[in-house]
Every structure is written in structure tokens, then in C-alpha cells.
């Protein structure tokens, strides 16, 4: 019998790789559902102690707003979005290996 935690689909592996890439470049990451922190820490250990991880207050309301963020977190997200809009477009994150459809970390 397979446990839920043991079976990992390629799409899940890709999602976890998508989170690792911004951690490496020190980007802000917003955890929309606070109740999922334990799972994310298990699958992406780089998030443990990551000082740019923002968790929303209400797990039933995944809205980034001043009332749903800790003091200062909303402003950090707004600044990060503004910077990204001004930055030249660059392809970031893992690419799919066309042969296996698995994430390959970009360098």
C-alpha cells in the first residue's frame, strides 16, 4: 500500500522545482495556504528558515492583502512585483526535459 506522501507525480516534482529556483535567487515566496507549510518544508527543505517566505494569515482566504499579511509583508510583495515589472524579461526556473518530461534545474 502506497502512502500519500510516497507517491510523487512528475507534475508535483516540477512544482517543487519551480519553488527551488526563486529560493536560489532570493526571491519572495508567498505561501497562500498556511496549513500546507509542513508539506512544503518536507518537499522543498530549502524553505526551512528561508527569511523571504511570507505566509498569509487566513488559510481559507488566499488573498494577498494588507489585512491578510503580517506587518510589512504586504509591502514587501508590492515592492517585489514593482521591481519585476521594471526588470527586463528573462526566462527563469526549471525547464522540462523533453525526453522524460521531468524538471531540469536551470543554471
Protein backbone atom coordinates (compact mmCIF):
# COMPACT_ATOMS: atom_id res chain seq x y z
CA UNK A 1 0.00 0.00 0.00
CA UNK A 2 1.36 3.37 -1.00
CA UNK A 3 1.03 6.28 1.39
CA UNK A 4 0.01 9.69 0.13
CA UNK A 5 3.44 11.11 0.88
CA UNK A 6 5.31 8.36 -1.02
CA UNK A 7 3.74 8.82 -4.45
CA UNK A 8 5.06 11.89 -6.23
CA UNK A 9 3.86 12.74 -9.72
CA UNK A 10 6.08 14.41 -12.33
CA UNK A 11 3.87 17.50 -12.17
CA UNK A 12 4.47 17.69 -8.41
CA UNK A 13 8.21 17.32 -8.89
CA UNK A 14 8.06 20.16 -11.39
CA UNK A 15 6.12 22.34 -8.91
CA UNK A 16 8.72 21.73 -6.21
CA UNK A 17 11.48 22.63 -8.67
CA UNK A 18 9.59 25.82 -9.52
CA UNK A 19 9.86 26.82 -5.86
CA UNK A 20 13.56 25.97 -5.55
CA UNK A 21 14.55 28.35 -8.38
CA UNK A 22 13.29 31.55 -6.67
CA UNK A 23 14.85 30.44 -3.38
CA UNK A 24 18.23 30.32 -5.11
CA UNK A 25 17.81 33.84 -6.44
CA UNK A 26 16.50 35.12 -3.06
CA UNK A 27 13.01 35.98 -4.31
CA UNK A 28 10.00 36.45 -2.07
CA UNK A 29 7.79 33.36 -1.91
CA UNK A 30 4.20 33.65 -0.71
CA UNK A 31 2.65 30.57 0.88
CA UNK A 32 -1.03 31.02 0.12
CA UNK A 33 -2.29 28.25 2.42
CA UNK A 34 -0.60 28.37 5.81
CA UNK A 35 -1.78 24.84 6.63
CA UNK A 36 0.43 23.45 3.84
CA UNK A 37 3.72 24.67 5.36
CA UNK A 38 4.70 21.25 6.74
CA UNK A 39 4.22 19.59 3.33
CA UNK A 40 6.21 22.30 1.54
CA UNK A 41 9.05 22.06 4.07
CA UNK A 42 9.14 18.29 3.56
CA UNK A 43 9.23 18.55 -0.25
CA UNK A 44 11.38 21.70 -0.51
CA UNK A 45 13.72 21.68 2.52
CA UNK A 46 15.33 24.91 1.27
CA UNK A 47 12.25 26.73 2.59
CA UNK A 48 13.09 25.82 6.20
CA UNK A 49 14.35 29.04 7.75
CA UNK A 50 14.01 30.94 4.45
CA UNK A 51 13.63 34.55 5.57
CA UNK A 52 11.79 35.64 2.41
CA UNK A 53 8.90 33.17 2.86
CA UNK A 54 5.67 35.04 3.51
CA UNK A 55 2.70 33.19 4.97
CA UNK A 56 -0.80 34.58 4.73
CA UNK A 57 -2.78 34.81 7.96
CA UNK A 58 -6.03 33.16 6.88
CA UNK A 59 -5.72 29.70 5.27
CA UNK A 60 -9.30 29.98 4.00
CA UNK A 61 -8.61 33.26 2.21
CA UNK A 62 -5.59 33.03 -0.12
CA UNK A 63 -5.66 36.76 -0.90
CA UNK A 64 -2.56 38.90 -0.70
CA UNK A 65 -3.81 41.99 1.10
CA UNK A 66 -2.63 44.21 3.97
CA UNK A 67 -5.14 42.56 6.32
CA UNK A 68 -4.08 39.03 5.40
CA UNK A 69 -0.32 39.57 5.80
CA UNK A 70 1.89 40.16 8.80
CA UNK A 71 3.14 43.72 9.32
CA UNK A 72 5.47 44.69 6.48
CA UNK A 73 4.91 41.55 4.39
CA UNK A 74 2.33 43.09 2.07
CA UNK A 75 4.65 45.99 1.30
CA UNK A 76 7.49 43.56 0.51
CA UNK A 77 5.28 41.77 -2.02
CA UNK A 78 4.21 45.06 -3.64
CA UNK A 79 7.84 46.21 -3.94
CA UNK A 80 8.92 42.85 -5.41
CA UNK A 81 6.13 42.98 -8.02
CA UNK A 82 7.01 46.56 -8.95
CA UNK A 83 10.69 45.61 -9.37
CA UNK A 84 9.77 42.62 -11.51
CA UNK A 85 7.61 44.75 -13.79
CA UNK A 86 10.52 47.13 -14.38
CA UNK A 87 13.09 44.38 -14.91
CA UNK A 88 13.86 43.06 -18.39
CA UNK A 89 12.12 39.79 -19.17
CA UNK A 90 14.30 36.76 -18.56
CA UNK A 91 13.43 33.11 -18.64
CA UNK A 92 13.79 31.75 -15.13
CA UNK A 93 13.14 28.47 -13.41
CA UNK A 94 13.48 24.85 -14.34
CA UNK A 95 12.96 23.65 -17.87
CA UNK A 96 11.28 20.39 -18.84
CA UNK A 97 13.49 17.65 -20.19
CA UNK A 98 11.58 16.77 -23.34
CA UNK A 99 12.66 13.13 -23.17
CA UNK A 100 11.35 12.40 -19.70
CA UNK A 101 9.08 15.37 -19.02
CA UNK A 102 10.92 15.92 -15.75
CA UNK A 103 12.16 19.23 -14.36
CA UNK A 104 15.77 20.06 -15.03
CA UNK A 105 17.27 22.79 -12.87
CA UNK A 106 18.44 25.77 -14.89
CA UNK A 107 21.90 27.09 -14.19
